[in-house]
Every structure is written in structure tokens, then in C-alpha cells.
Amino acid sequence: MLIDTSNDTITIDLDGVKLRADQINQIKYWGFARRHDGKLLALDVDDPGVPLLKLLKYLDAEKIQYSVSPSCKRCVSEMYERFDSFRQVKAAGKKFKDGDFDRGEFKDFCSFVDRNVPRKLKQHQLKAAFHLYIMKSGANFSVPGSGKTAAILTVYEKLRLEGQVNLLFVVGPASCFGPWRTEFELTLGRKPSFRILAGGNQVQRKSEYFGPLSENAELYLTSFQTLLRDQDEAMTFLGRRGAKAFLVIDEAHYVKRIDGNWANAVLAIAEHAKYRCVLTGTPMPRSYTDVFNLFDFLWPAGEVIDSDTKIRLHISEEHDDSTSAKEILDNAIGPLFYRVRKRDLGLLAPVFHPPFVLPMNEYEKRIYDAIENRIRNYSKQDYLKNIDIVRKLRRGRIIRLRQCVSYVGLLVKAVEGYREELVEDKSDLSQIICDYDNLEIPAKLDFLKSFIDKMQQQNLKVVVWANFIDTLELIRQSLTQVGFYCKLIYGQTPIEQTSIQEEETREEIRDEFVDAQSGLDILVANPAACAESISLHKTCYHSIYYDLSYNCAQYLQSLDRIHRVGGSEEKQANYYFLQYENSIDQDVKINLDRKAHKMYESIEDDYGIYSLDMFEEEGDLQAFERLFSDK
């Protein structure tokens, strides 16, 4: 039997050898197929190294005699060199995290930073940067607001000056484009020559990948969505002669899903970069297996988490054996990532002020009570309906209640997937809802104006958070009408792209807001659009929540906008909340506080997992159970 590798194909020439049926089935299970009248078993693969070693290991275990071709020997030799190199890197990472490392080398690294990086890094950032420099390809799982970007830029600069890399290629949500450019200049002291490879004209965008390197940029920024469309061009660009790319995946939890389209695109380009890094404060949002893609990206040859380890981790998770799962992960990936916890940052503890609990105005109260009673009556018949229908109804009902305490005008618009009639057409209540803007001003809005006025008198900047688009527009319009200068960031606010925007972009509004001399002291925003990648902590230390949703992940991200490294060491973050008395507002806040406590515990744990109910619609459904079931 002869094993050969050529033209991205592994072949097994049986040469008359009779394998047992179970042995043939095992080899076929790995993707090998019969060719040439069954005399050959072949597998087409981009990188034959890992499957070849798996095959040879199996043949040895089964005591099957075989020989290998010269090309096969070279492939095996290269793989063992890769694995040996990886073991050395992993050992170095473990020594550093254990405190057993070359102090002189770390001192030299810090001296380099002092000489070449204008920004003064915190001690935890220096350690994170040095760990990545040792690894060359590694992960930073530090909590949001810890200064991960500055640490990565420091490593990039050292590698660039050593001639090991010559460009930085960042993949992430589009909201990270502005922060990367800003942090580049603040950290390295020079404005980056950059290209944004997202949006705009597709033909023009794709042409950016093929210009001469000398004429191209140093910093490239693209989104997960664009990479999915431009995957082939990105692979060609990163793999071209002369390109020595440091490839960074920002907010890497977006590529957690195994076989997801975004994940596959990221994995496809990984091997074409010289060095790789992943950044996320939440590496395992829902499952221990969420880390698979991250480390498969960092080491595309499969050195980190092999198939046996993945199976053992799956089994441990299925049996709720978190102790075994964490032990498996610690052995596999512990040395390969660096993590700074919130308690390590040296930030002043934020102040959560008691909620301002307000009575509703007359019409708000009538509408809220009527809808709450109608929901209670409808819920008595839920047992007669299909479970999927019930889930949609209950989620829709909770959204309607949340709309009532946000802005009654929201009730005139449909809720996707929800068709229940909570207010009869042509009824007095229906007429009140339609004419609401002419009947009264919401009590929350009146209070907010007074609150903002006090902030303005003290020359304090403030972020106003709300979750519904029409509420955001109402707040902006109302504040503007009484003479306050404010701007709005929400989903429809453009993100900076390569094409020319007639409207202000999120980045432009954010930059104006954080400028202490700009005169823009009020920012109205929703967590879905502004809770991630945008930092406001340099000049803003006050946030007020006009309303809340049950999405704890977005809520925590919004808190971090004004509580971060680089400002919160000396300035205390302040959070305020508006609530209507005897309403769903109290349930949302209590539930978020409970989830936030649980989530912070997960964030502080190296291998913590967020619970499913911290995301999306689960909170609405659970709220219905608390508020209406068996009542």
C-alpha cells in the first residue's frame, strides 16, 4: 500500500491489500472515495497535512503495512515542524501566564514601547501586548473597556519595525472602523493610511484589493458581511507576494457558529496572513464550543483543538460537567489567550442612582391599564393555541407593554410577527392613541427635559439611551425644540464607508460629542446601534436610560461606553433610570440587574458562559411568564 500527496490530493494505492470492511468505512468516513475501479482511495483537500497525519496514525494503530511517497514524507516532516513550533509557542505562553518568563525580555519590550509608542499603556495592557508578541498569533479575551485595541496596535508596531509585517487587516462589525482609525492615531502617533473595504460600489471596492502594495494603505478595514462577498479577493490580497499581513478579527464572538457563513469566510482567509489575532470580551457567549472557530482561525493547521478534544468537550457540556470542560479548555487553549478582568483595570466603581419613579400622565395611564388588562384576559386562552403561536403572541404582548412605557405613539405601528388586537378599531382608546401627540406630553419626557437642563447648567455631557426608533426621534425633536443642541445615533445613522455620505456618520457624530469644546453635550442613542465599539468615556460620565429592554448583553455594552480604561480611573461613571410606577419598567430593571450580576460573574471567569436568556427574545418570553402566567 502506497500513500501519496500531490496536487492537493491524498491517495491510497491499495495495490492488492485487502482492508476489512470496518477499516474501509472508517477511511471513507473521513471523506476518501474510491477511484480507478476501486484500486485507489482519494481525498481532495486544500491542506493535506492534518488529514494525512490522522490517516497514518490510524493505519499504525491498525497495524496495516504501508509505504509513503517522497512528497508524503515532506508533508509529514513539515507538519511535525509546525507542531513542534506550536508546542514551543504554547509553552512560552504558559510560562508567561505562570509568571515564569524572561524579565529582561519583558523589560526590553517595555523600553521599545516607551521609545516608539506615544500612548502611555497601562501595566495590564503591556502584559497583554507582550503575551501576543510572544505568541505572534493569539487571542485577547479581556473585558470590554480594557484597552485591547491599543495593546494590539503596539504589537503591530513592533512587528512592523522588525520587518515581520507591513499591513494591518481588520475584520469586524462596521461600527469598529472609526474606533480603529482613532486608536491607531492616538496609540501610534500618526494618522493611518487606510482603506475601508465595505459598502459602496462593489466593482470599485474589489479593485482596491489589486493595486500595488506601495500605493495601498497600511490599515485595511472590512466587515463580516463584506468579507463573505469578497472572500476570494481578500485571500488573493493577503497571499500576494510582498504582503505580510497582521490579520485581526475584532468582536470575534460574531464568528462563533460552527459552519456559519461569516465563520467560514474568516477561516478561509486565515492561512494567507502571516500573523493572526482575535479580540472579544465574550469568547463563549453561549457554549464552550464557541471557541472552536476562534482557535481554528489562529492556527489553521488544527494544532490547538483537535477532533478528539472537541468530542470530549461536547460530551462534558452535554452532561453539564463544567469542571471537566474547563479543565479540557485550560489544557488546550489556556496558554494561548490573555485576559484582563474588570477588577484588574483600576477603574472607579460606577454609581447606579436609584430610578426616578414617575406617575404616568392621564392618557398614558388609561392606555397602559387597558392594554395590560386585555393581555391578562387574552392569556387565559393561550392553552388552546399552538406553542409557536403562543410564543409569538406573548413576545408581542410584552413588546406592546414596553412601548406603552416608552412612547404611546409606538402603538399605531405593527409589531413584526404579532397580529393580536389589543385595542379595538374606532374605540375611544384607539382615537386617543392616534391623537396622543396632541393630547399630552409623556411624563418621562417632561422629566428628561428638566434633567438635561440641570446637566447643561453644570456643563456635563450626557447620553440618553432608548430602545425604540420613534422614541429616539421624539426625544431628539423635543430637546431640540426647547433649545438643546443634541444629535442622534441609531440603526439608520450611516456608518463610514468608502462612498460619500450626505448625512453625518456615526463616527462624525461621536467625534463631535467627545470633543470637549464642540458644544454638542447631548447624545441620543439606542443600544442596538451604539453599544458596541464606540467609546464616549473621555469626556462623558453620565448616562440616563429613558427605557430598557430585556437584552442584557446590549445593556452591559451600553454601560461600558462611559466606563473604560483611559478616563474612568479618575472620573466616576453615573447611571440614571426613568421608570413609570406600577409598570413593566420595574420588572425590566430588576431582571436586568439579576442578569447583569450573573453576566459579570461569567465575564470574570476565564471560561464563563453567558446564559441563553441574556439575549434577544428570551427575556420577553420569560417576562410574560412572570407577569401574566397563573394570574
Foldseek 3Di string as FASTA:
>chain_A
DEWEDDPQKTKDQCVPPDDDPVVVVVVVVVPWDADDVRRMTMHRHPQCQPVLVVVVVVCVVVVHDYYYDPNSVVSPVVSVVVLVVQVVLLVQLVCLVVVNHDVVVLVVLVVCLVVFWPDDDDPLLSSQLVLCLSNLAFEAQAAPQAPVLLSVLSSVVVCVVVVQAQAEEEEAALLQPLVNQVSNCNTRVDGWQEAELEDDDPVVSLVLLPDDPVPHTRYYYYYLVSLLVCLVSLLCSLQDPPHAYEYEYEQVLVLQDVPDSSLVSLLSNLVSHNAYYYYHNAQFAAFLSSCVSVVCSRPVSCSQQHPVLVVVLVVCVVVVNVVVNVVSCCVRCVSRYHYDAPVNRLFDAAAEDPADAAAKDDLLVVLLVLLVVLVLVVVVCLVVDDPVLSLLALLQSLVQQLCSLQPLLVVVDDDPSYDDDSDDPPDPNVVCSVCVVVPDDTPLLVVVLVVVVVCVVVLAAEEEEEADPVSLVVNCVVNVVVPQDEEEDEDPAARDHPDDDPGDHPSRRLVLCLPSPNSHRYYYYYLVGALPNAANQNGHQEYEYSADDLQLVSVVSNQSNNTHPPHRSPDHHYYYYYHYPPGCRVVSVVNSVVQVVVVSVQSNDPSRYRHPSNHDSNVSSVSCCVPRPPD
